[in-house]
C-alpha cells in the first residue's frame, strides 16, 4: 500500500513538472519568435521593419498632437487630439483617410447626443442610460465601419468630465478634427505604407514552400515504408500551402488599397517598386496549390485499407519521386526569381531533359499496368501522374507534353 501511495505521489510530481514545463516552453517559443522578428527588422526591409515604422509613426503622431493641442494651443481638453491621432495611423493611407471621416462622424454624434441627454435629464447617470444604448446601436451602422464605437466612448468622456456645454462640445470636436488631420498627415507624409513588397514576399514564400512539400513527398515515396501517417503529414503540408495562399490574397488586397491614392505622390514621398508581380502569378500559384492538394488526397486514399485503390509498385513510385524532386527544384527556382527578379538564372536544360525521361518512364509503367488490368493501381498512378503534369505545366509555362 505504501508502495502504491509512493507511486501515485511520483505520478503527481511528474504531472506537476509537465504542467509547469508547458508555460515555460510557450514563453521560450514566444521569446524565440520575438528574437527572429527583431533580427529580421534589423537585417533589412520587410514586414517586420514596416511594423516598427508604423508603430513609431503612431507614437510620433500622438506626441505631435499632444504638443500642438496642449502646449501650443493651451487647450484644457487636449486629450481628444492625441487619442484620435493614435488610432488613425493605419496600415494604408487610404484606410487612414476613410477611418478619419468615419471616426470624426462618430465622435460628433457621440458628443452631441451626450450633450442633449445631459440637457434633458440634468443627471450624469440618467444621461448615460439615455444615450449609451442608442450610440451602441448606431455603432453597428455600416456607414461608421469599425469606428462606430468611438461615438459611445466620446459620450462617456463628455459625461464623465461634466463638459457638456456648447463651448465644451465644440472644443472636443475641434480637438478630434485636429487629431484626425495630424494622424492622417503623419501617415501620408512620413514613409507612407505601401504593401507591394508583401505581395512579392508571399509569392516567393509560396513557391519555396511548394518546393518543400514536393521534396517531402518525394523523400517519402522513395522509401518502401511510407504509411497513412506519412500521407497525413503530406496533407498537412498542402494545408500550409492553402494558408500561405490566403496570406497572398490578403497581401494583394492591401497592395490595392495602398495604391488608392495617386502613385505619383507616393513615388515622390517614397519609392514604389515598379515591378510588382502581376495578379496572373497569384492565379498560377493558386492552381499549383490545388494540384498539390489533389495529389496528397490521392496518396491518402492509396494508404487507406478500407478503400479499393492501392499504391503503385515501389519501383514506379521511386521513379515518380525523382520526377517530383525535379519539379520541386523548378518551384524553388521560381521562388528565387520572384524574390530577386534581377538575378534570374537560365533554365536548366539538362534537368528538363531528365524530367522528360522520367515522365516517359512513369507513363510507360502506367500503360503496362493498364494492359495488365490492374485497375486500382492504374487509377492511383494515373491520378498522381496527372497532378505532377499539371504542376509541371504551371511551373514551366509553354512546355507541351504528349
Protein backbone atom coordinates (compact mmCIF):
# COMPACT_ATOMS: atom_id res chain seq x y z
CA UNK A 1 0.00 0.00 0.00
CA UNK A 2 2.82 2.35 0.89
CA UNK A 3 4.41 1.47 -2.43
CA UNK A 4 1.16 2.42 -4.24
CA UNK A 5 0.97 5.74 -2.42
CA UNK A 6 4.59 6.44 -3.32
CA UNK A 7 3.90 5.62 -6.99
CA UNK A 8 0.86 7.91 -7.02
CA UNK A 9 2.93 10.66 -5.43
CA UNK A 10 5.59 10.24 -8.11
CA UNK A 11 2.87 10.41 -10.79
CA UNK A 12 1.53 13.63 -9.29
CA UNK A 13 5.00 15.17 -9.21
CA UNK A 14 5.62 14.12 -12.83
CA UNK A 15 2.31 15.65 -13.87
CA UNK A 16 3.13 18.84 -11.97
CA UNK A 17 6.53 19.10 -13.68
CA UNK A 18 4.86 18.53 -17.07
CA UNK A 19 2.28 21.24 -16.43
CA UNK A 20 4.97 23.63 -15.23
CA UNK A 21 7.09 22.92 -18.29
CA UNK A 22 4.30 23.87 -20.73
CA UNK A 23 4.15 27.59 -19.83
CA UNK A 24 7.95 27.72 -19.76
CA UNK A 25 8.10 26.14 -23.21
CA UNK A 26 5.50 28.58 -24.52
CA UNK A 27 7.47 31.51 -23.11
CA UNK A 28 10.69 30.25 -24.73
CA UNK A 29 8.95 29.76 -28.05
CA UNK A 30 7.46 33.26 -27.89
CA UNK A 31 10.86 34.70 -26.96
CA UNK A 32 12.41 32.98 -29.99
CA UNK A 33 9.67 34.40 -32.22
CA UNK A 34 10.30 37.91 -30.87
CA UNK A 35 14.04 37.44 -31.39
CA UNK A 36 13.51 36.36 -35.00
CA UNK A 37 11.28 39.38 -35.62
CA UNK A 38 13.86 41.76 -34.12
CA UNK A 39 16.66 40.26 -36.22
CA UNK A 40 14.52 40.47 -39.35
CA UNK A 41 13.74 44.14 -38.65
CA UNK A 42 17.45 44.91 -38.17
CA UNK A 43 18.55 42.86 -41.16
CA UNK A 44 16.72 44.79 -43.88
CA UNK A 45 13.41 45.87 -45.42
CA UNK A 46 10.49 43.57 -44.78
CA UNK A 47 7.21 43.18 -42.94
CA UNK A 48 8.85 43.35 -39.52
CA UNK A 49 10.57 46.65 -40.28
CA UNK A 50 7.33 48.03 -41.73
CA UNK A 51 5.55 47.22 -38.46
CA UNK A 52 8.27 49.01 -36.49
CA UNK A 53 7.96 52.07 -38.73
CA UNK A 54 4.15 52.17 -38.41
CA UNK A 55 4.33 51.80 -34.61
CA UNK A 56 6.84 54.63 -34.28
CA UNK A 57 4.76 56.79 -36.63
CA UNK A 58 1.68 56.26 -34.44
CA UNK A 59 3.67 57.25 -31.37
CA UNK A 60 5.05 60.33 -33.16
CA UNK A 61 1.58 61.39 -34.33
CA UNK A 62 0.30 61.07 -30.75
CA UNK A 63 3.10 63.19 -29.29
CA UNK A 64 2.76 65.80 -32.03
CA UNK A 65 -0.99 66.10 -31.45
CA UNK A 66 -0.41 66.49 -27.69
CA UNK A 67 2.20 69.21 -28.22
CA UNK A 68 0.01 71.15 -30.65
CA UNK A 69 -3.17 70.85 -28.55
CA UNK A 70 -1.77 71.20 -25.04
CA UNK A 71 1.49 73.16 -25.32
CA UNK A 72 0.89 75.44 -28.30
CA UNK A 73 -2.88 75.95 -28.19
CA UNK A 74 -3.18 75.56 -24.40
CA UNK A 75 -6.48 73.69 -24.74
CA UNK A 76 -7.67 72.19 -21.41
CA UNK A 77 -9.35 69.36 -23.36
CA UNK A 78 -6.22 68.30 -25.20
CA UNK A 79 -6.76 64.55 -24.61
CA UNK A 80 -9.00 64.12 -27.66
CA UNK A 81 -6.41 65.16 -30.27
CA UNK A 82 -3.66 62.63 -29.38
CA UNK A 83 -6.24 59.90 -28.87
CA UNK A 84 -7.66 60.33 -32.37
CA UNK A 85 -4.20 60.74 -33.95
CA UNK A 86 -3.02 57.49 -32.35
CA UNK A 87 -5.73 55.30 -33.85
CA UNK A 88 -5.63 56.89 -37.32
CA UNK A 89 -2.10 55.83 -38.26
CA UNK A 90 -3.49 52.88 -40.19
CA UNK A 91 -1.95 50.22 -42.42
CA UNK A 92 -2.56 52.29 -45.57
CA UNK A 93 -3.05 55.98 -46.36
CA UNK A 94 -6.45 55.25 -47.89
CA UNK A 95 -7.66 53.46 -44.76
CA UNK A 96 -6.43 56.40 -42.65
CA UNK A 97 -8.50 58.82 -44.72
CA UNK A 98 -11.61 56.64 -44.63
CA UNK A 99 -11.39 55.96 -40.91
CA UNK A 100 -10.73 59.63 -40.18
CA UNK A 101 -14.05 60.54 -41.78
CA UNK A 102 -15.90 57.68 -40.07
CA UNK A 103 -14.38 58.33 -36.66
CA UNK A 104 -14.95 62.08 -36.78
CA UNK A 105 -18.61 61.47 -37.69
CA UNK A 106 -18.98 59.01 -34.79
CA UNK A 107 -17.33 61.43 -32.36
CA UNK A 108 -19.63 64.24 -33.46
CA UNK A 109 -22.70 62.06 -32.96
CA UNK A 110 -21.48 60.87 -29.55
CA UNK A 111 -20.66 64.38 -28.27
CA UNK A 112 -23.93 65.88 -29.48
CA UNK A 113 -26.11 63.07 -28.11
CA UNK A 114 -24.31 63.17 -24.74
CA UNK A 115 -24.83 66.92 -24.51
CA UNK A 116 -28.51 66.59 -25.46
CA UNK A 117 -29.06 63.74 -22.96
CA UNK A 118 -27.47 65.78 -20.15
CA UNK A 119 -29.65 68.75 -21.01
CA UNK A 120 -32.80 66.59 -20.92
CA UNK A 121 -32.05 64.63 -17.73
CA UNK A 122 -29.78 67.08 -15.85
CA UNK A 123 -28.12 63.98 -14.37
CA UNK A 124 -24.99 62.14 -15.48
CA UNK A 125 -26.33 58.65 -14.77
CA UNK A 126 -29.62 59.41 -16.48
CA UNK A 127 -27.78 60.85 -19.49
CA UNK A 128 -25.70 57.65 -19.75
CA UNK A 129 -28.83 55.50 -19.57
CA UNK A 130 -30.44 57.63 -22.27
CA UNK A 131 -27.61 57.95 -24.82
CA UNK A 132 -25.26 54.97 -24.50
CA UNK A 133 -27.75 52.29 -25.69
CA UNK A 134 -28.61 54.45 -28.72
CA UNK A 135 -24.94 55.02 -29.51
CA UNK A 136 -24.10 51.32 -29.22
CA UNK A 137 -26.87 50.53 -31.68
CA UNK A 138 -25.52 53.20 -34.04
CA UNK A 139 -22.04 51.68 -33.66
CA UNK A 140 -23.28 48.76 -35.77
CA UNK A 141 -24.26 51.02 -38.66
CA UNK A 142 -22.19 50.08 -41.69
CA UNK A 143 -21.53 53.75 -42.55
CA UNK A 144 -19.33 54.00 -39.45
CA UNK A 145 -17.29 50.93 -40.42
CA UNK A 146 -15.35 49.74 -37.36
CA UNK A 147 -15.23 53.26 -35.89
CA UNK A 148 -18.79 53.39 -34.57
CA UNK A 149 -17.79 52.52 -31.01
CA UNK A 150 -15.99 55.87 -30.72
CA UNK A 151 -19.38 57.55 -30.53
CA UNK A 152 -20.15 55.77 -27.25
CA UNK A 153 -16.65 56.31 -25.82
CA UNK A 154 -16.85 60.02 -26.65
CA UNK A 155 -20.16 60.24 -24.82
CA UNK A 156 -18.54 58.62 -21.78
CA UNK A 157 -15.67 61.14 -21.84
CA UNK A 158 -18.04 64.07 -22.22
CA UNK A 159 -20.39 63.00 -19.41
CA UNK A 160 -17.63 61.80 -17.04
CA UNK A 161 -15.84 65.17 -17.20
CA UNK A 162 -19.07 67.14 -16.92
CA UNK A 163 -18.15 69.19 -20.02
CA UNK A 164 -21.49 69.29 -21.82
CA UNK A 165 -21.83 72.96 -22.68
CA UNK A 166 -21.89 74.08 -26.28
CA UNK A 167 -18.39 75.55 -25.99
CA UNK A 168 -17.00 72.34 -24.44
CA UNK A 169 -18.53 70.16 -27.14
CA UNK A 170 -17.14 72.50 -29.79
CA UNK A 171 -13.69 72.20 -28.18
CA UNK A 172 -13.87 68.41 -28.28
CA UNK A 173 -14.92 68.33 -31.90
CA UNK A 174 -12.15 70.74 -32.79
CA UNK A 175 -9.63 68.57 -30.97
CA UNK A 176 -10.92 65.48 -32.79
CA UNK A 177 -10.55 67.25 -36.14
CA UNK A 178 -7.01 68.35 -35.20
CA UNK A 179 -6.01 64.80 -34.17
CA UNK A 180 -7.51 63.31 -37.33
CA UNK A 181 -5.66 65.80 -39.53
CA UNK A 182 -2.33 65.18 -37.78
CA UNK A 183 -2.71 61.38 -37.80
CA UNK A 184 -3.54 61.25 -41.50
CA UNK A 185 -0.78 63.76 -42.33
CA UNK A 186 1.90 61.79 -40.48
CA UNK A 187 0.80 58.54 -42.12
CA UNK A 188 0.71 60.08 -45.60
CA UNK A 189 3.83 62.24 -45.46
CA UNK A 190 6.26 60.19 -43.35
CA UNK A 191 7.17 56.95 -45.17
CA UNK A 192 3.60 56.21 -46.34
CA UNK A 193 2.88 52.48 -46.08
CA UNK A 194 2.89 50.71 -49.43
CA UNK A 195 2.30 46.95 -49.16
CA UNK A 196 3.62 45.99 -52.58
CA UNK A 197 6.61 44.19 -51.09
CA UNK A 198 4.27 41.89 -49.13
CA UNK A 199 2.87 40.52 -52.40
CA UNK A 200 6.30 39.60 -53.72
CA UNK A 201 7.40 38.08 -50.39
CA UNK A 202 4.26 35.96 -50.08
CA UNK A 203 4.52 34.77 -53.68
CA UNK A 204 8.17 33.80 -53.21
CA UNK A 205 7.38 32.08 -49.90
CA UNK A 206 4.51 30.15 -51.54
CA UNK A 207 6.86 28.92 -54.29
CA UNK A 208 9.54 27.87 -51.80
CA UNK A 209 7.04 26.11 -49.51
CA UNK A 210 5.60 24.32 -52.56
CA UNK A 211 9.09 23.04 -53.28
CA UNK A 212 9.46 21.90 -49.66
CA UNK A 213 6.17 19.97 -49.74
CA UNK A 214 7.06 18.25 -53.04
CA UNK A 215 10.52 17.31 -51.72
CA UNK A 216 8.91 15.85 -48.57
CA UNK A 217 6.52 13.77 -50.66
CA UNK A 218 9.33 12.61 -52.94
CA UNK A 219 11.51 11.61 -49.96
CA UNK A 220 8.66 9.56 -48.52
CA UNK A 221 7.77 7.83 -51.79
CA UNK A 222 11.42 6.92 -52.30
CA UNK A 223 11.11 4.65 -49.27
CA UNK A 224 9.03 1.49 -49.14
CA UNK A 225 7.73 2.06 -45.61
CA UNK A 226 5.50 5.13 -46.08
CA UNK A 227 2.13 4.74 -44.41
CA UNK A 228 -1.09 6.66 -43.59
CA UNK A 229 0.83 8.77 -41.06
CA UNK A 230 3.24 9.96 -43.74
CA UNK A 231 0.36 10.66 -46.13
CA UNK A 232 -1.37 12.67 -43.38
CA UNK A 233 1.81 14.74 -42.94
CA UNK A 234 1.84 15.48 -46.67
CA UNK A 235 -1.81 16.51 -46.47
CA UNK A 236 -0.94 18.91 -43.65
CA UNK A 237 1.80 20.28 -45.90
CA UNK A 238 -0.80 21.09 -48.54
CA UNK A 239 -2.85 22.77 -45.79
CA UNK A 240 0.13 25.05 -45.12
CA UNK A 241 0.17 25.98 -48.78
CA UNK A 242 -3.52 26.88 -48.59
CA UNK A 243 -2.84 29.16 -45.62
CA UNK A 244 0.08 30.79 -47.44
CA UNK A 245 -2.20 31.31 -50.44
CA UNK A 246 -4.69 33.05 -48.14
CA UNK A 247 -1.89 35.32 -46.89
CA UNK A 248 -1.02 36.12 -50.51
CA UNK A 249 -4.62 37.12 -51.28
CA UNK A 250 -4.65 39.31 -48.17
CA UNK A 251 -1.37 40.98 -49.20
CA UNK A 252 -2.73 41.61 -52.69
CA UNK A 253 -5.81 43.26 -51.18
CA UNK A 254 -3.59 45.51 -49.01
CA UNK A 255 -1.46 46.43 -52.01
CA UNK A 256 -4.54 47.53 -53.98
CA UNK A 257 -5.63 49.69 -51.06
CA UNK A 258 -2.11 51.10 -50.72
CA UNK A 259 -2.35 52.49 -54.24
CA UNK A 260 -5.78 54.07 -53.90
CA UNK A 261 -4.00 57.40 -53.74
CA UNK A 262 -2.02 58.96 -56.61
CA UNK A 263 1.02 56.83 -57.46
CA UNK A 264 2.97 59.91 -58.45
CA UNK A 265 2.61 61.35 -54.95
CA UNK A 266 3.68 58.04 -53.41
CA UNK A 267 6.76 57.82 -55.60
CA UNK A 268 7.67 61.38 -54.61
CA UNK A 269 7.41 60.58 -50.92
CA UNK A 270 8.75 57.04 -51.02
CA UNK A 271 9.88 54.95 -53.95
CA UNK A 272 7.24 52.46 -55.05
CA UNK A 273 8.61 49.23 -56.55
CA UNK A 274 7.62 49.32 -60.26
CA UNK A 275 7.89 45.59 -60.83
CA UNK A 276 5.25 44.10 -58.54
CA UNK A 277 4.25 40.61 -59.77
CA UNK A 278 1.00 40.64 -61.72
CA UNK A 279 -2.17 39.05 -60.42
CA UNK A 280 -1.71 36.31 -63.01
CA UNK A 281 1.07 34.98 -60.75
CA UNK A 282 -1.45 34.69 -57.90
CA UNK A 283 -3.77 32.69 -60.14
CA UNK A 284 -0.93 30.45 -61.35
CA UNK A 285 0.22 29.52 -57.85
CA UNK A 286 -3.38 29.08 -56.75
CA UNK A 287 -3.75 26.42 -59.46
CA UNK A 288 -0.48 24.78 -58.40
CA UNK A 289 -1.68 24.67 -54.79
CA UNK A 290 -4.89 23.00 -55.96
CA UNK A 291 -2.98 20.36 -57.91
CA UNK A 292 -0.82 19.52 -54.90
CA UNK A 293 -3.94 19.27 -52.75
CA UNK A 294 -5.34 16.72 -55.24
CA UNK A 295 -2.03 14.83 -55.26
CA UNK A 296 -1.93 14.49 -51.47
CA UNK A 297 -5.56 13.38 -51.37
CA UNK A 298 -4.74 10.62 -53.83
CA UNK A 299 -1.88 9.45 -51.60
CA UNK A 300 -4.13 9.48 -48.52
CA UNK A 301 -6.68 7.32 -50.35
CA UNK A 302 -3.94 4.94 -51.54
CA UNK A 303 -2.89 4.21 -47.94
CA UNK A 304 -6.43 3.63 -46.67
CA UNK A 305 -7.03 -0.11 -46.23
CA UNK A 306 -10.78 0.41 -46.47
CA UNK A 307 -10.52 1.86 -49.98
CA UNK A 308 -10.10 -0.16 -53.17
CA UNK A 309 -7.21 1.76 -54.85
CA UNK A 310 -3.78 0.75 -53.62
CA UNK A 311 -0.34 2.33 -54.06
CA UNK A 312 1.56 1.50 -57.25
CA UNK A 313 4.66 -0.66 -57.32
CA UNK A 314 7.59 0.68 -55.30
CA UNK A 315 9.90 0.80 -58.31
CA UNK A 316 7.47 3.02 -60.19
CA UNK A 317 6.97 5.24 -57.16
CA UNK A 318 10.72 5.78 -56.84
CA UNK A 319 10.82 6.94 -60.45
CA UNK A 320 7.86 9.20 -59.75
CA UNK A 321 9.63 10.54 -56.63
CA UNK A 322 12.62 11.62 -58.72
CA UNK A 323 10.25 13.39 -61.10
CA UNK A 324 8.69 15.25 -58.15
CA UNK A 325 12.16 16.24 -56.93
CA UNK A 326 12.95 17.87 -60.27
CA UNK A 327 9.58 19.66 -60.31
CA UNK A 328 10.28 20.85 -56.76
CA UNK A 329 13.66 22.21 -57.86
CA UNK A 330 11.91 24.27 -60.52
CA UNK A 331 9.45 25.59 -57.92
CA UNK A 332 12.39 26.68 -55.75
CA UNK A 333 13.98 28.39 -58.75
CA UNK A 334 10.69 30.19 -59.34
CA UNK A 335 10.72 31.31 -55.70
CA UNK A 336 14.21 32.76 -56.15
CA UNK A 337 13.07 34.53 -59.32
CA UNK A 338 10.10 36.06 -57.54
CA UNK A 339 12.17 37.13 -54.54
CA UNK A 340 15.09 38.55 -56.56
CA UNK A 341 13.78 39.41 -60.05
CA UNK A 342 17.12 40.86 -61.13
CA UNK A 343 19.01 37.60 -60.63
CA UNK A 344 17.16 35.19 -62.90
CA UNK A 345 19.10 32.06 -63.83
CA UNK A 346 18.64 30.47 -67.28
CA UNK A 347 16.53 27.27 -67.42
CA UNK A 348 18.37 24.06 -66.64
CA UNK A 349 18.04 22.20 -69.97
CA UNK A 350 19.63 19.06 -68.56
CA UNK A 351 17.06 18.96 -65.76
CA UNK A 352 14.23 19.45 -68.26
CA UNK A 353 15.54 16.57 -70.36
CA UNK A 354 15.72 14.40 -67.23
CA UNK A 355 12.15 15.35 -66.34
CA UNK A 356 11.01 14.28 -69.80
CA UNK A 357 12.77 10.92 -69.44
CA UNK A 358 11.26 10.23 -66.02
CA UNK A 359 7.84 11.29 -67.22
CA UNK A 360 8.06 8.87 -70.14
CA UNK A 361 9.10 6.04 -67.82
CA UNK A 362 6.16 6.63 -65.46
CA UNK A 363 3.81 6.87 -68.44
CA UNK A 364 5.15 3.59 -69.81
CA UNK A 365 4.59 1.94 -66.43
CA UNK A 366 1.05 3.30 -66.46
CA UNK A 367 0.40 1.68 -69.85
CA UNK A 368 1.83 -1.62 -68.62
CA UNK A 369 -0.45 -1.60 -65.57
CA UNK A 370 -3.47 -0.78 -67.72
CA UNK A 371 -2.58 -3.64 -70.10
CA UNK A 372 -2.23 -5.95 -67.12
CA UNK A 373 -5.73 -4.99 -65.95
CA UNK A 374 -4.51 -3.66 -62.58
CA UNK A 375 -7.36 -1.17 -62.46
CA UNK A 376 -6.91 0.00 -58.85
CA UNK A 377 -3.18 0.72 -59.19
CA UNK A 378 -3.68 2.23 -62.61
CA UNK A 379 -6.20 4.69 -61.16
CA UNK A 380 -3.81 5.84 -58.44
CA UNK A 381 -0.74 6.11 -60.67
CA UNK A 382 -2.73 7.90 -63.39
CA UNK A 383 -4.00 10.45 -60.87
CA UNK A 384 -0.51 11.02 -59.43
CA UNK A 385 0.98 11.45 -62.89
CA UNK A 386 -1.78 13.85 -63.93
CA UNK A 387 -1.21 16.13 -60.94
CA UNK A 388 2.57 16.11 -61.45
CA UNK A 389 2.00 17.05 -65.10
CA UNK A 390 -0.33 19.86 -64.03
CA UNK A 391 2.24 21.32 -61.63
CA UNK A 392 4.96 20.91 -64.24
CA UNK A 393 2.89 22.72 -66.87
CA UNK A 394 2.28 25.64 -64.49
CA UNK A 395 5.88 25.90 -63.27
CA UNK A 396 7.37 25.61 -66.76
CA UNK A 397 4.86 27.51 -68.96
CA UNK A 398 4.86 26.77 -72.65
CA UNK A 399 6.12 23.19 -72.34
CA UNK A 400 3.72 20.82 -74.11
CA UNK A 401 3.82 17.12 -73.16
CA UNK A 402 2.22 14.29 -75.01
